[in-house]
Every structure is written in structure tokens, then in C-alpha cells.
């Protein structure tokens, strides 16, 4: 099975990693009111969207470079 850098990034985006990052950094305080929670999530989503738009290309390029280097090294070991 072959995975692309985009699939890797999509798996990161759908994980709880970004939610945990917001919680740990306390960059935004949880509003504690039902009405404000929807707005909180909108802001959080927008921050994530812009951050990953900036980082996506660099992460994808690094992923491909590293994956190819590691796999090439492993193929060399298999050949002896």
C-alpha cells in the first residue's frame, strides 16, 4: 500500500493533535458558554486551516525526502 504526503497530512488534521495543542498552549480560553463554543470552534478551525496551508508544502516535501531516503537505505540493506 502506497501513502502520499497528503494522506499523511490529512491523518494529522483529523487526529486530536491540533485540539490538544490549543488546550496545552491555552492560546484561546474555552468560553464555557454554549453560545460561544460554536464561535470558539470556528476560530480554532480557521487558525488550523491557515497554519496548515502555510506548512503543508514544507511538510509534504520533507515527508517525501525522508521517506525516500529511509526506504532507499532499507532497500540497500536488503540487497546486502
N, C-alpha and C. Protein backbone atom coordinates (compact mmCIF):
# COMPACT_ATOMS: atom_id res chain seq x y z
N UNK A 1 0.85 -1.18 0.00
CA UNK A 1 0.00 0.00 0.00
C UNK A 1 0.89 1.24 0.00
N UNK A 2 0.59 2.17 -0.88
CA UNK A 2 1.39 3.38 -1.00
C UNK A 2 0.62 4.56 -0.39
N UNK A 3 1.30 5.34 0.41
CA UNK A 3 0.70 6.51 1.03
C UNK A 3 1.37 7.76 0.48
N UNK A 4 0.58 8.79 0.33
CA UNK A 4 1.13 10.06 -0.14
C UNK A 4 1.33 11.01 1.03
N UNK A 5 2.07 12.06 0.78
CA UNK A 5 2.28 13.08 1.81
C UNK A 5 0.93 13.72 2.18
N UNK A 6 0.06 13.88 1.21
CA UNK A 6 -1.26 14.46 1.50
C UNK A 6 -2.06 13.56 2.43
N UNK A 7 -1.97 12.25 2.23
CA UNK A 7 -2.67 11.33 3.12
C UNK A 7 -2.12 11.41 4.54
N UNK A 8 -0.79 11.56 4.64
CA UNK A 8 -0.16 11.73 5.95
C UNK A 8 -0.69 12.99 6.63
N UNK A 9 -0.71 14.09 5.90
CA UNK A 9 -1.18 15.36 6.47
C UNK A 9 -2.65 15.30 6.83
N UNK A 10 -3.44 14.66 5.98
CA UNK A 10 -4.86 14.53 6.29
C UNK A 10 -5.07 13.74 7.58
N UNK A 11 -4.25 12.72 7.82
CA UNK A 11 -4.39 11.95 9.05
C UNK A 11 -4.02 12.79 10.27
N UNK A 12 -3.06 13.69 10.10
CA UNK A 12 -2.70 14.60 11.20
C UNK A 12 -3.87 15.55 11.47
N UNK A 13 -4.45 16.08 10.41
CA UNK A 13 -5.54 17.03 10.56
C UNK A 13 -6.77 16.42 11.21
N UNK A 14 -7.01 15.15 10.97
CA UNK A 14 -8.19 14.50 11.53
C UNK A 14 -7.93 13.90 12.91
N UNK A 15 -6.71 14.00 13.38
CA UNK A 15 -6.41 13.50 14.72
C UNK A 15 -6.74 14.56 15.75
N UNK A 16 -6.50 14.26 16.97
CA UNK A 16 -6.74 15.20 18.06
C UNK A 16 -5.52 16.07 18.37
N UNK A 17 -4.49 15.98 17.55
CA UNK A 17 -3.25 16.71 17.83
C UNK A 17 -3.45 18.21 17.90
N UNK A 18 -4.19 18.77 16.96
CA UNK A 18 -4.38 20.22 16.98
C UNK A 18 -5.25 20.66 18.15
N UNK A 19 -6.26 19.87 18.46
CA UNK A 19 -7.11 20.18 19.61
C UNK A 19 -6.28 20.17 20.89
N UNK A 20 -5.40 19.19 21.00
CA UNK A 20 -4.53 19.12 22.17
C UNK A 20 -3.57 20.31 22.22
N UNK A 21 -3.09 20.73 21.05
CA UNK A 21 -2.19 21.89 21.00
C UNK A 21 -2.88 23.15 21.51
N UNK A 22 -4.14 23.35 21.13
CA UNK A 22 -4.88 24.51 21.63
C UNK A 22 -5.05 24.42 23.14
N UNK A 23 -5.34 23.24 23.64
CA UNK A 23 -5.54 23.07 25.07
C UNK A 23 -4.26 23.29 25.86
N UNK A 24 -3.16 22.72 25.37
CA UNK A 24 -1.89 22.83 26.11
C UNK A 24 -1.33 24.25 26.11
N UNK A 25 -1.43 24.93 24.97
CA UNK A 25 -0.86 26.27 24.88
C UNK A 25 -1.75 27.33 25.51
N UNK A 26 -3.02 26.98 25.68
CA UNK A 26 -4.01 27.92 26.21
C UNK A 26 -4.02 29.23 25.42
N UNK A 27 -3.77 29.11 24.11
CA UNK A 27 -3.76 30.28 23.25
C UNK A 27 -5.15 30.93 23.18
N UNK A 28 -6.18 30.10 23.30
CA UNK A 28 -7.55 30.59 23.37
C UNK A 28 -8.19 29.95 24.60
N UNK A 29 -8.85 30.74 25.38
CA UNK A 29 -9.53 30.22 26.56
C UNK A 29 -10.90 29.67 26.17
N UNK A 30 -11.21 28.48 26.67
CA UNK A 30 -12.51 27.88 26.41
C UNK A 30 -13.58 28.79 27.01
N UNK A 31 -14.61 29.14 26.23
CA UNK A 31 -15.57 30.14 26.69
C UNK A 31 -16.49 29.69 27.81
N UNK A 32 -16.79 28.40 27.87
CA UNK A 32 -17.63 27.91 28.95
C UNK A 32 -19.11 28.21 28.78
N UNK A 33 -19.49 28.80 27.67
CA UNK A 33 -20.90 29.09 27.39
C UNK A 33 -21.26 28.41 26.07
N UNK A 34 -22.42 27.79 26.02
CA UNK A 34 -22.82 27.06 24.82
C UNK A 34 -22.81 27.92 23.57
N UNK A 35 -23.30 29.15 23.67
CA UNK A 35 -23.38 30.04 22.52
C UNK A 35 -21.98 30.38 21.99
N UNK A 36 -21.04 30.53 22.88
CA UNK A 36 -19.69 30.94 22.50
C UNK A 36 -18.86 29.76 21.99
N UNK A 37 -19.25 28.55 22.33
CA UNK A 37 -18.47 27.38 21.92
C UNK A 37 -18.41 27.22 20.40
N UNK A 38 -19.50 27.49 19.71
CA UNK A 38 -19.51 27.39 18.25
C UNK A 38 -18.52 28.38 17.65
N UNK A 39 -18.51 29.58 18.16
CA UNK A 39 -17.58 30.61 17.67
C UNK A 39 -16.14 30.20 17.97
N UNK A 40 -15.91 29.64 19.15
CA UNK A 40 -14.58 29.15 19.53
C UNK A 40 -14.09 28.14 18.50
N UNK A 41 -14.95 27.19 18.14
CA UNK A 41 -14.56 26.16 17.18
C UNK A 41 -14.31 26.75 15.79
N UNK A 42 -15.09 27.77 15.41
CA UNK A 42 -14.86 28.44 14.13
C UNK A 42 -13.48 29.09 14.10
N UNK A 43 -13.12 29.76 15.17
CA UNK A 43 -11.81 30.42 15.26
C UNK A 43 -10.70 29.37 15.24
N UNK A 44 -10.87 28.34 16.03
CA UNK A 44 -9.90 27.25 16.08
C UNK A 44 -9.70 26.63 14.69
N UNK A 45 -10.79 26.36 13.98
CA UNK A 45 -10.71 25.78 12.64
C UNK A 45 -10.00 26.71 11.67
N UNK A 46 -10.28 28.00 11.77
CA UNK A 46 -9.64 28.97 10.87
C UNK A 46 -8.14 29.03 11.12
N UNK A 47 -7.73 29.02 12.38
CA UNK A 47 -6.30 29.02 12.72
C UNK A 47 -5.64 27.76 12.15
N UNK A 48 -6.27 26.62 12.32
CA UNK A 48 -5.74 25.37 11.78
C UNK A 48 -5.63 25.42 10.26
N UNK A 49 -6.68 25.90 9.60
CA UNK A 49 -6.67 25.97 8.13
C UNK A 49 -5.51 26.81 7.60
N UNK A 50 -5.32 27.98 8.17
CA UNK A 50 -4.26 28.87 7.70
C UNK A 50 -2.89 28.30 8.04
N UNK A 51 -2.74 27.77 9.25
CA UNK A 51 -1.46 27.19 9.66
C UNK A 51 -1.06 26.06 8.73
N UNK A 52 -1.99 25.14 8.46
CA UNK A 52 -1.65 24.01 7.61
C UNK A 52 -1.49 24.40 6.15
N UNK A 53 -2.15 25.46 5.72
CA UNK A 53 -1.93 25.94 4.35
C UNK A 53 -0.48 26.41 4.20
N UNK A 54 0.03 27.11 5.21
CA UNK A 54 1.42 27.56 5.18
C UNK A 54 2.40 26.39 5.31
N UNK A 55 2.07 25.46 6.17
CA UNK A 55 3.01 24.37 6.48
C UNK A 55 2.91 23.19 5.52
N UNK A 56 1.80 23.04 4.83
CA UNK A 56 1.54 21.85 4.03
C UNK A 56 2.66 21.53 3.03
N UNK A 57 3.09 22.50 2.27
CA UNK A 57 4.11 22.24 1.26
C UNK A 57 5.43 21.80 1.89
N UNK A 58 5.86 22.50 2.93
CA UNK A 58 7.12 22.15 3.59
C UNK A 58 7.04 20.76 4.21
N UNK A 59 5.92 20.45 4.84
CA UNK A 59 5.76 19.14 5.47
C UNK A 59 5.73 18.05 4.40
N UNK A 60 5.01 18.29 3.32
CA UNK A 60 4.92 17.30 2.24
C UNK A 60 6.30 17.04 1.63
N UNK A 61 7.04 18.10 1.36
CA UNK A 61 8.37 17.94 0.78
C UNK A 61 9.30 17.19 1.73
N UNK A 62 9.28 17.54 3.01
CA UNK A 62 10.12 16.86 3.98
C UNK A 62 9.73 15.39 4.11
N UNK A 63 8.44 15.11 4.13
CA UNK A 63 7.95 13.74 4.23
C UNK A 63 8.46 12.89 3.07
N UNK A 64 8.36 13.40 1.86
CA UNK A 64 8.80 12.67 0.68
C UNK A 64 10.30 12.43 0.71
N UNK A 65 11.07 13.46 1.05
CA UNK A 65 12.52 13.34 1.11
C UNK A 65 12.94 12.30 2.15
N UNK A 66 12.40 12.40 3.32
CA UNK A 66 12.76 11.48 4.40
C UNK A 66 12.30 10.06 4.09
N UNK A 67 11.08 9.91 3.63
CA UNK A 67 10.57 8.57 3.30
C UNK A 67 11.42 7.91 2.22
N UNK A 68 11.75 8.65 1.18
CA UNK A 68 12.58 8.09 0.12
C UNK A 68 13.97 7.72 0.62
N UNK A 69 14.57 8.55 1.45
CA UNK A 69 15.90 8.27 1.98
C UNK A 69 15.89 7.01 2.85
N UNK A 70 14.92 6.91 3.73
CA UNK A 70 14.84 5.74 4.61
C UNK A 70 14.57 4.47 3.79
N UNK A 71 13.65 4.55 2.86
CA UNK A 71 13.34 3.38 2.04
C UNK A 71 14.51 2.97 1.17
N UNK A 72 15.23 3.92 0.64
CA UNK A 72 16.41 3.59 -0.16
C UNK A 72 17.47 2.90 0.69
N UNK A 73 17.67 3.39 1.90
CA UNK A 73 18.62 2.75 2.82
C UNK A 73 18.19 1.32 3.13
N UNK A 74 16.90 1.13 3.36
CA UNK A 74 16.38 -0.21 3.66
C UNK A 74 16.54 -1.13 2.45
N UNK A 75 16.31 -0.61 1.27
CA UNK A 75 16.50 -1.44 0.07
C UNK A 75 17.95 -1.85 -0.08
N UNK A 76 18.86 -0.95 0.26
CA UNK A 76 20.29 -1.26 0.22
C UNK A 76 20.64 -2.37 1.19
N UNK A 77 20.03 -2.37 2.35
CA UNK A 77 20.27 -3.43 3.34
C UNK A 77 19.77 -4.77 2.82
N UNK A 78 18.62 -4.75 2.15
CA UNK A 78 18.04 -5.99 1.64
C UNK A 78 18.92 -6.59 0.53
N UNK A 79 19.58 -5.73 -0.26
CA UNK A 79 20.42 -6.21 -1.33
C UNK A 79 21.75 -6.75 -0.80
N UNK A 80 22.05 -6.38 0.39
CA UNK A 80 23.23 -6.96 1.01
C UNK A 80 24.32 -6.03 1.21
